[in-house]
Amino acid sequence: MRFPEALAELEGRKESRMVPDLARILKLATLLDDPQLSYPTIHITGTNGKTTTARAVTELACAHGITAGLYTSPHLESVTERFSVCGVDMTLEEFAAEYEHLLPFLLLVDSQSEEQVTYFEALTALAYLWFADRPVGLGVYEVGMGGTWDATNLVAGDVGVICPIALDHPELGSTIAEVATEKAGIIKEGKVAIVREQLASASAVIEERATAVGAELKHEFEDFEVDRRLLAVGGQSLGVRGLYTSYDDLFVPLFGEHAARNVAAAIAALEALLGQALSIGAVREGLAGLTSPGRLEVLRRQPLVILDGAHNPAGAEALAVAMREFFTWDRLHLVLAVSANKDLDGMIRPLAPLADVAYAARNGSDRSGEAEVIAERFGAEDTPVELFDSVTEALAGATAAAEPGDCVLVTGSLYTVADARRALV
């Protein structure tokens, strides 16, 4: 099987209706002899910060000599980006070979189920299998959505990480407590969970889950934290108090307080897995090479072009704070395209004060919101706005209008970021 054939078969599963059950992925895992249980796992959920935290855990583990496999979602350009081992993405040939191995099992489960195996379930099963085949010494899994009913939730979850919880996907609930109930489902019996700062209603749900399954919680500020943070060229310098010791003079080539706190959670997660302090040299080495594409990513200068996948009000607020802290500009050109089911007003509220002019667009996703609606909301904030049919056109308009000292910020969704990267990279 070649990659285009494998991809076409996978893409044919995108129309599957998403239902809250693990029946199909359980059947798949059983048929495959539970490959996801053949290596330790760190499982990461939350509303914002999952990918950066997962990437940081992986870099730290690899710097300590642990062969770590990373599974994240969504991808920006190629589906193979979702799978990597110590910073090296799965190749097209590896994807095709592994998918050919998996396909008979997918078809068998399809034949035994009312719903066919979904796109995300197939990819998750592929990660289970590929990491076992490599083999890896650690699997780092980012939840796709939620936790309890997410296809990744078959892992042992030796350490769970719960990043900040906010309202985002309506499917997960209309209150913070409802969303937290879904996400707390990754906490496994007798295991450890690293918990970032949460709203009170989320904390109560997480505590209840931990008590019910006899899990141990390690809380930000109580058990670990960023205790020093300074701006540095190309990123920031950190001091982190971990579970077992403190780590000083850590350079992280990422921007924003939220990124620093993700790194602290990653350090605590690996400490919890190993049951001991980490090597300061390995921590410095791992973090110095950390990247998180599409998260305050600087792609060009003069004018400065920054891409960020913020897709909910909490993410937009963190983005606005980080922009003011780390960057300067004469005028800011804001390109925005969001999914139709997002809280658009909640996103525009913190971003509009940054913008001298906004460029409203649709992104390439079928779930994209309409540019006209975005333009209307910016108009209500008295922000000058221009309308475009695509992110590519909006980005071209923004960069053409920008002077060398200006900034072009592209945000609203990882789909928006992906469109911009295809136009620029």
Protein backbone atom coordinates (compact mmCIF):
# COMPACT_ATOMS: atom_id res chain seq x y z
CA MET A 1 0.00 0.00 0.00
CA ARG A 2 1.25 3.46 -0.90
CA PHE A 3 0.65 6.59 1.16
CA PRO A 4 -2.01 8.09 -1.17
CA GLU A 5 -4.02 4.86 -0.95
CA ALA A 6 -3.75 4.76 2.83
CA LEU A 7 -4.71 8.42 3.10
CA ALA A 8 -7.71 7.97 0.80
CA GLU A 9 -8.99 5.06 2.91
CA LEU A 10 -8.52 7.11 6.06
CA GLU A 11 -10.18 10.21 4.59
CA GLY A 12 -13.22 8.08 3.74
CA ARG A 13 -13.82 7.74 7.46
CA LYS A 14 -14.20 11.48 8.10
CA GLU A 15 -17.96 11.41 7.58
CA SER A 16 -18.48 8.91 10.40
CA ARG A 17 -20.84 10.22 13.05
CA MET A 18 -19.04 10.84 16.34
CA VAL A 19 -20.70 8.94 19.18
CA PRO A 20 -19.65 8.86 22.87
CA ASP A 21 -18.53 5.27 23.24
CA LEU A 22 -15.31 3.30 23.10
CA ALA A 23 -16.78 0.15 21.54
CA ARG A 24 -14.96 0.33 18.21
CA ILE A 25 -11.55 1.33 19.56
CA LEU A 26 -11.87 -1.35 22.27
CA LYS A 27 -12.54 -3.98 19.61
CA LEU A 28 -9.58 -2.76 17.60
CA ALA A 29 -7.23 -2.73 20.57
CA THR A 30 -8.33 -6.22 21.61
CA LEU A 31 -7.79 -7.60 18.12
CA LEU A 32 -4.34 -6.00 18.08
CA ASP A 33 -3.53 -7.51 21.51
CA ASP A 34 -3.62 -4.14 23.31
CA PRO A 35 -0.39 -2.62 21.99
CA GLN A 36 -1.10 0.59 23.94
CA LEU A 37 -0.45 -1.29 27.20
CA SER A 38 3.01 -2.50 26.16
CA TYR A 39 4.76 0.75 27.18
CA PRO A 40 4.28 3.39 29.92
CA THR A 41 2.10 6.37 28.98
CA ILE A 42 1.60 10.00 29.88
CA HIS A 43 -1.90 11.15 28.88
CA ILE A 44 -2.66 14.86 28.47
CA THR A 45 -6.01 16.64 28.38
CA GLY A 46 -7.40 20.13 29.01
CA THR A 47 -8.81 22.90 26.85
CA ASN A 48 -5.64 24.88 26.15
CA GLY A 49 -1.96 23.93 26.29
CA LYS A 50 -2.20 20.21 25.55
CA THR A 51 0.08 20.10 22.51
CA THR A 52 2.84 22.27 23.96
CA THR A 53 2.80 20.26 27.18
CA ALA A 54 2.92 16.98 25.25
CA ARG A 55 5.81 18.18 23.10
CA ALA A 56 7.70 19.35 26.20
CA VAL A 57 7.22 16.00 27.96
CA THR A 58 8.54 14.21 24.88
CA GLU A 59 11.61 16.43 24.52
CA LEU A 60 12.42 16.01 28.21
CA ALA A 61 12.03 12.24 28.07
CA CYS A 62 14.21 11.92 24.97
CA ALA A 63 16.90 14.10 26.54
CA HIS A 64 16.93 11.59 29.42
CA GLY A 65 17.58 8.72 27.01
CA ILE A 66 13.98 7.48 26.87
CA THR A 67 12.68 6.68 23.39
CA ALA A 68 9.40 8.58 23.51
CA GLY A 69 6.60 8.43 20.98
CA LEU A 70 4.32 11.47 20.65
CA TYR A 71 0.73 11.43 19.35
CA THR A 72 -0.95 14.82 18.90
CA SER A 73 -3.84 16.36 16.98
CA PRO A 74 -4.78 18.02 14.74
CA HIS A 75 -2.01 18.28 12.16
CA LEU A 76 -1.11 21.44 10.27
CA GLU A 77 0.05 20.08 6.93
CA SER A 78 0.41 16.28 6.85
CA VAL A 79 -1.32 13.65 8.93
CA THR A 80 2.09 12.10 9.59
CA GLU A 81 2.88 15.08 11.87
CA ARG A 82 0.62 13.50 14.47
CA PHE A 83 3.12 10.68 15.05
CA SER A 84 6.75 11.20 16.02
CA VAL A 85 9.51 9.54 18.00
CA CYS A 86 12.01 11.85 19.69
CA GLY A 87 11.25 14.71 17.31
CA VAL A 88 11.29 12.69 14.08
CA ASP A 89 7.90 12.50 12.37
CA MET A 90 6.56 9.28 10.88
CA THR A 91 7.49 9.04 7.21
CA LEU A 92 4.97 8.59 4.43
CA GLU A 93 6.34 5.09 3.86
CA GLU A 94 5.99 4.18 7.53
CA PHE A 95 2.44 5.47 7.58
CA ALA A 96 1.50 3.41 4.54
CA ALA A 97 3.11 0.24 5.89
CA GLU A 98 1.51 0.60 9.33
CA TYR A 99 -1.87 1.43 7.85
CA GLU A 100 -1.69 -1.63 5.60
CA HIS A 101 -1.07 -3.70 8.74
CA LEU A 102 -4.02 -2.06 10.50
CA LEU A 103 -6.53 -2.07 7.64
CA PRO A 104 -7.81 -5.68 7.95
CA PHE A 105 -8.61 -5.02 11.59
CA LEU A 106 -10.41 -1.77 10.71
CA LEU A 107 -12.54 -3.57 8.14
CA LEU A 108 -13.34 -6.39 10.55
CA VAL A 109 -14.51 -3.95 13.24
CA ASP A 110 -16.47 -2.03 10.59
CA SER A 111 -18.33 -5.23 9.72
CA GLN A 112 -19.16 -5.93 13.36
CA SER A 113 -20.30 -2.41 14.30
CA GLU A 114 -23.30 -0.20 13.59
CA GLU A 115 -20.91 2.69 12.92
CA GLN A 116 -17.66 2.29 11.00
CA VAL A 117 -14.38 3.05 12.74
CA THR A 118 -13.93 6.82 12.66
CA TYR A 119 -11.03 8.87 11.29
CA PHE A 120 -9.70 9.67 14.76
CA GLU A 121 -10.16 6.14 16.04
CA ALA A 122 -8.19 4.76 13.10
CA LEU A 123 -5.37 7.22 13.72
CA THR A 124 -5.32 6.45 17.43
CA ALA A 125 -5.14 2.72 16.77
CA LEU A 126 -2.30 3.45 14.37
CA ALA A 127 -0.42 5.27 17.15
CA TYR A 128 -1.03 2.39 19.56
CA LEU A 129 0.41 -0.02 17.02
CA TRP A 130 3.30 2.04 15.66
CA PHE A 131 4.70 2.89 19.08
CA ALA A 132 4.61 -0.80 20.06
CA ASP A 133 6.28 -1.79 16.79
CA ARG A 134 9.12 0.73 17.11
CA PRO A 135 9.23 -0.01 20.16
CA VAL A 136 9.09 3.08 22.41
CA GLY A 137 9.92 3.34 26.09
CA LEU A 138 7.17 5.92 26.64
CA GLY A 139 4.02 6.94 24.79
CA VAL A 140 2.87 10.55 25.17
CA TYR A 141 -0.76 10.92 24.11
CA GLU A 142 -2.67 14.15 23.63
CA VAL A 143 -6.44 13.72 23.95
CA GLY A 144 -8.33 14.57 20.78
CA MET A 145 -11.38 15.96 22.55
CA GLY A 146 -12.61 15.51 26.11
CA GLY A 147 -11.20 12.47 27.85
CA THR A 148 -13.63 9.84 29.06
CA TRP A 149 -14.89 8.88 25.61
CA ASP A 150 -11.78 9.84 23.67
CA ALA A 151 -10.18 7.05 21.68
CA THR A 152 -6.86 7.71 23.45
CA ASN A 153 -8.39 6.76 26.79
CA LEU A 154 -7.43 3.09 26.47
CA VAL A 155 -3.85 3.85 27.51
CA ALA A 156 -2.76 2.95 31.03
CA GLY A 157 -2.24 6.63 31.81
CA ASP A 158 0.59 6.11 34.29
CA VAL A 159 0.58 9.88 34.61
CA GLY A 160 -2.32 12.10 33.58
CA VAL A 161 -1.92 15.82 32.93
CA ILE A 162 -4.91 18.15 33.07
CA CYS A 163 -4.22 21.51 31.46
CA PRO A 164 -6.54 24.49 32.11
CA ILE A 165 -10.19 23.69 31.43
CA ALA A 166 -12.51 26.21 29.77
CA LEU A 167 -15.58 26.15 27.57
CA ASP A 168 -14.76 25.23 23.99
CA HIS A 169 -16.39 22.25 22.23
CA PRO A 170 -20.18 22.39 22.83
CA GLU A 171 -20.29 18.59 22.58
CA LEU A 172 -18.46 18.34 25.91
CA GLY A 173 -20.96 20.37 27.91
CA SER A 174 -22.30 23.83 28.53
CA THR A 175 -20.68 24.37 31.94
CA ILE A 176 -17.12 24.12 33.22
CA ALA A 177 -18.17 21.29 35.54
CA GLU A 178 -19.61 19.28 32.65
CA VAL A 179 -16.47 19.76 30.57
CA ALA A 180 -14.26 18.90 33.55
CA THR A 181 -16.20 15.68 34.08
CA GLU A 182 -15.28 14.55 30.58
CA LYS A 183 -11.64 15.56 30.91
CA ALA A 184 -11.15 14.12 34.39
CA GLY A 185 -12.01 10.73 32.91
CA ILE A 186 -8.34 10.26 31.95
CA ILE A 187 -7.39 9.93 35.63
CA LYS A 188 -6.78 6.22 36.17
CA GLU A 189 -7.11 4.05 39.24
CA GLY A 190 -4.11 4.34 41.55
CA LYS A 191 -2.20 6.61 39.17
CA VAL A 192 -0.92 10.19 39.41
CA ALA A 193 -2.37 13.32 37.77
CA ILE A 194 -0.58 16.63 37.30
CA VAL A 195 -3.18 19.39 37.53
CA ARG A 196 -2.66 22.92 36.22
CA GLU A 197 -4.51 25.81 37.86
CA GLN A 198 -8.27 25.36 37.39
CA LEU A 199 -11.49 27.21 38.09
CA ALA A 200 -13.14 26.09 41.33
CA SER A 201 -15.90 24.15 39.60
CA ALA A 202 -13.35 22.17 37.56
CA SER A 203 -11.16 21.53 40.61
CA ALA A 204 -14.10 20.05 42.51
CA VAL A 205 -14.83 17.59 39.71
CA ILE A 206 -11.17 16.59 39.39
CA GLU A 207 -10.87 16.02 43.14
CA GLU A 208 -14.03 13.91 43.10
CA ARG A 209 -12.70 11.74 40.27
CA ALA A 210 -9.33 11.28 41.97
CA THR A 211 -10.99 10.23 45.22
CA ALA A 212 -13.26 7.77 43.40
CA VAL A 213 -10.35 5.97 41.71
CA GLY A 214 -7.72 6.37 44.42
CA ALA A 215 -5.45 8.57 42.30
CA GLU A 216 -2.93 11.08 43.60
CA LEU A 217 -3.14 14.69 42.45
CA LYS A 218 -0.20 17.07 42.16
CA HIS A 219 -1.36 20.67 41.91
CA GLU A 220 0.21 23.72 40.29
CA PHE A 221 1.46 26.21 42.92
CA GLU A 222 1.18 23.61 45.68
CA ASP A 223 3.44 20.88 44.29
CA PHE A 224 5.12 22.51 41.27
CA GLU A 225 5.27 25.93 39.62
CA VAL A 226 7.20 28.42 37.55
CA ASP A 227 8.98 30.43 40.24
CA ARG A 228 11.04 32.70 37.99
CA ARG A 229 10.45 33.94 34.47
CA LEU A 230 12.44 36.46 32.45
CA LEU A 231 12.18 37.53 28.84
CA ALA A 232 15.08 36.34 26.70
CA VAL A 233 16.06 36.69 23.05
CA GLY A 234 13.93 34.20 21.14
CA GLY A 235 11.97 33.01 24.16
CA GLN A 236 12.19 33.12 27.94
CA SER A 237 14.39 32.03 30.84
CA LEU A 238 12.70 30.03 33.59
CA GLY A 239 13.14 28.67 37.05
CA VAL A 240 10.81 25.77 37.87
CA ARG A 241 10.05 24.20 41.24
CA GLY A 242 9.33 20.58 40.48
CA LEU A 243 7.98 17.73 42.57
CA TYR A 244 11.44 16.68 43.76
CA THR A 245 13.81 19.59 43.18
CA SER A 246 14.14 22.99 41.52
CA TYR A 247 15.50 23.62 38.03
CA ASP A 248 17.16 26.96 37.26
CA ASP A 249 18.42 28.74 34.15
CA LEU A 250 16.13 26.94 31.72
CA PHE A 251 15.92 28.56 28.30
CA VAL A 252 12.64 27.86 26.51
CA PRO A 253 12.34 29.10 22.89
CA LEU A 254 8.59 29.73 23.26
CA PHE A 255 6.65 32.85 24.14
CA GLY A 256 4.05 33.53 26.82
CA GLU A 257 3.51 32.80 30.49
CA HIS A 258 1.09 30.03 29.50
CA ALA A 259 3.91 28.26 27.60
CA ALA A 260 6.17 28.51 30.65
CA ARG A 261 3.52 26.95 32.85
CA ASN A 262 2.99 24.16 30.32
CA VAL A 263 6.71 23.42 30.60
CA ALA A 264 6.49 23.28 34.41
CA ALA A 265 3.64 20.76 34.14
CA ALA A 266 5.72 18.69 31.69
CA ILE A 267 8.65 18.59 34.10
CA ALA A 268 6.35 17.51 36.94
CA ALA A 269 4.77 14.83 34.74
CA LEU A 270 8.11 13.22 33.89
CA GLU A 271 9.22 13.45 37.51
CA ALA A 272 6.01 11.68 38.54
CA LEU A 273 6.57 8.94 35.97
CA LEU A 274 10.18 8.33 37.03
CA GLY A 275 9.56 8.89 40.74
CA GLN A 276 12.62 11.09 41.10
CA ALA A 277 14.23 14.39 40.21
CA LEU A 278 15.35 14.90 36.62
CA SER A 279 18.86 15.62 35.38
CA ILE A 280 19.28 19.40 35.17
CA GLY A 281 21.55 19.01 32.14
CA ALA A 282 18.99 16.87 30.33
CA VAL A 283 16.17 19.26 31.24
CA ARG A 284 18.11 22.18 29.80
CA GLU A 285 18.98 20.20 26.68
CA GLY A 286 15.41 19.03 26.11
CA LEU A 287 13.79 22.41 26.58
CA ALA A 288 16.33 24.27 24.44
CA GLY A 289 15.13 22.26 21.44
CA LEU A 290 11.42 22.60 22.18
CA THR A 291 9.16 23.78 19.37
CA SER A 292 5.40 24.13 19.15
CA PRO A 293 4.34 24.99 15.58
CA GLY A 294 1.34 27.28 15.34
CA ARG A 295 1.65 28.48 18.92
CA LEU A 296 2.97 32.07 18.88
CA GLU A 297 5.15 30.96 15.99
CA VAL A 298 7.22 33.66 14.30
CA LEU A 299 7.42 32.90 10.58
CA ARG A 300 8.74 36.15 9.14
CA ARG A 301 10.17 39.50 10.15
CA GLN A 302 9.86 42.96 8.60
CA PRO A 303 6.98 42.79 8.78
CA LEU A 304 6.71 40.43 11.72
CA VAL A 305 4.34 37.56 10.91
CA ILE A 306 3.07 35.51 13.87
CA LEU A 307 0.77 32.48 13.76
CA ASP A 308 -1.21 31.26 16.76
CA GLY A 309 -3.92 28.62 16.95
CA ALA A 310 -5.97 30.26 19.73
CA HIS A 311 -9.54 29.06 19.16
CA ASN A 312 -11.48 30.00 22.28
CA PRO A 313 -11.75 32.99 24.64
CA ALA A 314 -9.18 31.67 27.13
CA GLY A 315 -6.69 31.07 24.34
CA ALA A 316 -7.35 34.49 22.82
CA GLU A 317 -6.80 36.16 26.20
CA ALA A 318 -3.49 34.32 26.71
CA LEU A 319 -2.46 35.32 23.20
CA ALA A 320 -3.27 38.98 23.77
CA VAL A 321 -1.27 39.03 27.02
CA ALA A 322 1.73 37.32 25.43
CA MET A 323 1.71 39.61 22.39
CA ARG A 324 1.94 42.69 24.61
CA GLU A 325 4.67 41.14 26.75
CA PHE A 326 6.98 39.76 24.06
CA PHE A 327 6.49 41.82 20.90
CA THR A 328 6.37 45.42 19.72
CA TRP A 329 4.96 46.84 16.49
CA ASP A 330 3.90 50.06 14.81
CA ARG A 331 0.56 48.77 13.52
CA LEU A 332 -1.00 45.35 13.98
CA HIS A 333 -2.85 43.61 11.15
CA LEU A 334 -5.09 40.87 12.58
CA VAL A 335 -6.15 38.01 10.28
CA LEU A 336 -8.97 36.02 11.88
CA ALA A 337 -10.86 32.92 10.77
CA VAL A 338 -12.68 30.71 13.28
CA SER A 339 -14.86 27.61 13.41
CA ALA A 340 -18.59 28.29 13.33
CA ASN A 341 -19.30 26.74 16.74
CA LYS A 342 -16.87 28.94 18.68
CA ASP A 343 -17.57 31.84 21.03
CA LEU A 344 -16.65 34.52 18.52
CA ASP A 345 -17.49 37.47 20.77
CA GLY A 346 -15.38 35.99 23.55
CA MET A 347 -12.44 35.69 21.18
CA ILE A 348 -12.73 39.10 19.58
CA ARG A 349 -13.05 40.91 22.89
CA PRO A 350 -9.36 40.51 23.94
CA LEU A 351 -7.99 40.60 20.38
CA ALA A 352 -9.73 43.67 18.97
CA PRO A 353 -7.80 46.17 21.16
CA LEU A 354 -4.56 44.88 19.61
CA ALA A 355 -5.66 45.45 16.03
CA ASP A 356 -5.26 48.58 13.95
CA VAL A 357 -7.07 46.75 11.16
CA ALA A 358 -8.70 43.32 10.99
CA TYR A 359 -8.95 40.93 8.03
CA ALA A 360 -11.95 38.60 8.34
CA ALA A 361 -11.86 35.34 6.39
CA ARG A 362 -13.01 31.74 6.12
CA ASN A 363 -10.45 29.00 6.70
CA GLY A 364 -10.21 25.77 4.73
CA SER A 365 -12.22 23.68 7.19
CA ASP A 366 -15.80 22.65 6.43
CA ARG A 367 -16.60 23.90 9.93
CA SER A 368 -15.35 27.42 9.27
CA GLY A 369 -17.51 30.34 10.34
CA GLU A 370 -18.49 32.99 7.82
CA ALA A 371 -16.20 35.95 7.26
CA GLU A 372 -19.20 38.29 7.18
CA VAL A 373 -20.09 37.37 10.77
CA ILE A 374 -16.51 38.03 11.93
CA ALA A 375 -16.50 41.38 10.12
CA GLU A 376 -19.77 42.36 11.78
CA ARG A 377 -18.34 41.60 15.24
CA PHE A 378 -15.22 43.66 14.57
CA GLY A 379 -17.44 46.48 13.37
CA ALA A 380 -19.21 46.43 16.72
CA GLU A 381 -15.79 46.95 18.36
CA ASP A 382 -15.09 49.92 16.04
CA THR A 383 -12.15 48.02 14.50
CA PRO A 384 -11.57 48.74 10.80
CA VAL A 385 -12.13 45.47 8.96
CA GLU A 386 -11.69 44.04 5.48
CA LEU A 387 -13.44 40.94 4.14
CA PHE A 388 -11.78 38.02 2.30
CA ASP A 389 -12.88 34.64 0.96
CA SER A 390 -9.86 32.75 2.32
CA VAL A 391 -7.01 32.97 4.82
CA THR A 392 -4.53 33.00 1.94
CA GLU A 393 -6.16 36.09 0.44
CA ALA A 394 -6.51 37.80 3.82
CA LEU A 395 -2.86 37.13 4.62
CA ALA A 396 -1.79 38.50 1.25
CA GLY A 397 -3.87 41.63 1.89
CA ALA A 398 -2.41 42.08 5.36
CA THR A 399 1.22 41.61 4.34
CA ALA A 400 0.79 43.92 1.35
CA ALA A 401 -0.57 46.65 3.63
CA ALA A 402 2.03 46.14 6.38
CA GLU A 403 5.13 48.31 6.72
CA PRO A 404 8.45 46.78 7.90
CA GLY A 405 7.77 47.80 11.51
CA ASP A 406 4.26 46.33 11.57
CA CYS A 407 3.00 42.96 12.77
CA VAL A 408 0.67 40.53 11.01
CA LEU A 409 -1.03 38.20 13.50
CA VAL A 410 -2.92 35.19 12.11
CA THR A 411 -5.17 33.37 14.56
CA GLY A 412 -8.59 31.88 15.37
CA SER A 413 -8.01 28.18 14.70
CA LEU A 414 -5.30 25.67 13.93
CA TYR A 415 -7.03 25.30 10.56
CA THR A 416 -6.38 29.02 10.04
CA VAL A 417 -2.74 28.54 11.00
CA ALA A 418 -2.45 25.60 8.60
CA ASP A 419 -3.81 27.70 5.74
CA ALA A 420 -1.32 30.47 6.55
CA ARG A 421 1.63 28.08 6.80
CA ARG A 422 0.82 26.61 3.39
CA ALA A 423 0.87 30.13 1.97
CA LEU A 424 4.12 31.15 3.66
CA VAL A 425 6.35 28.09 4.13
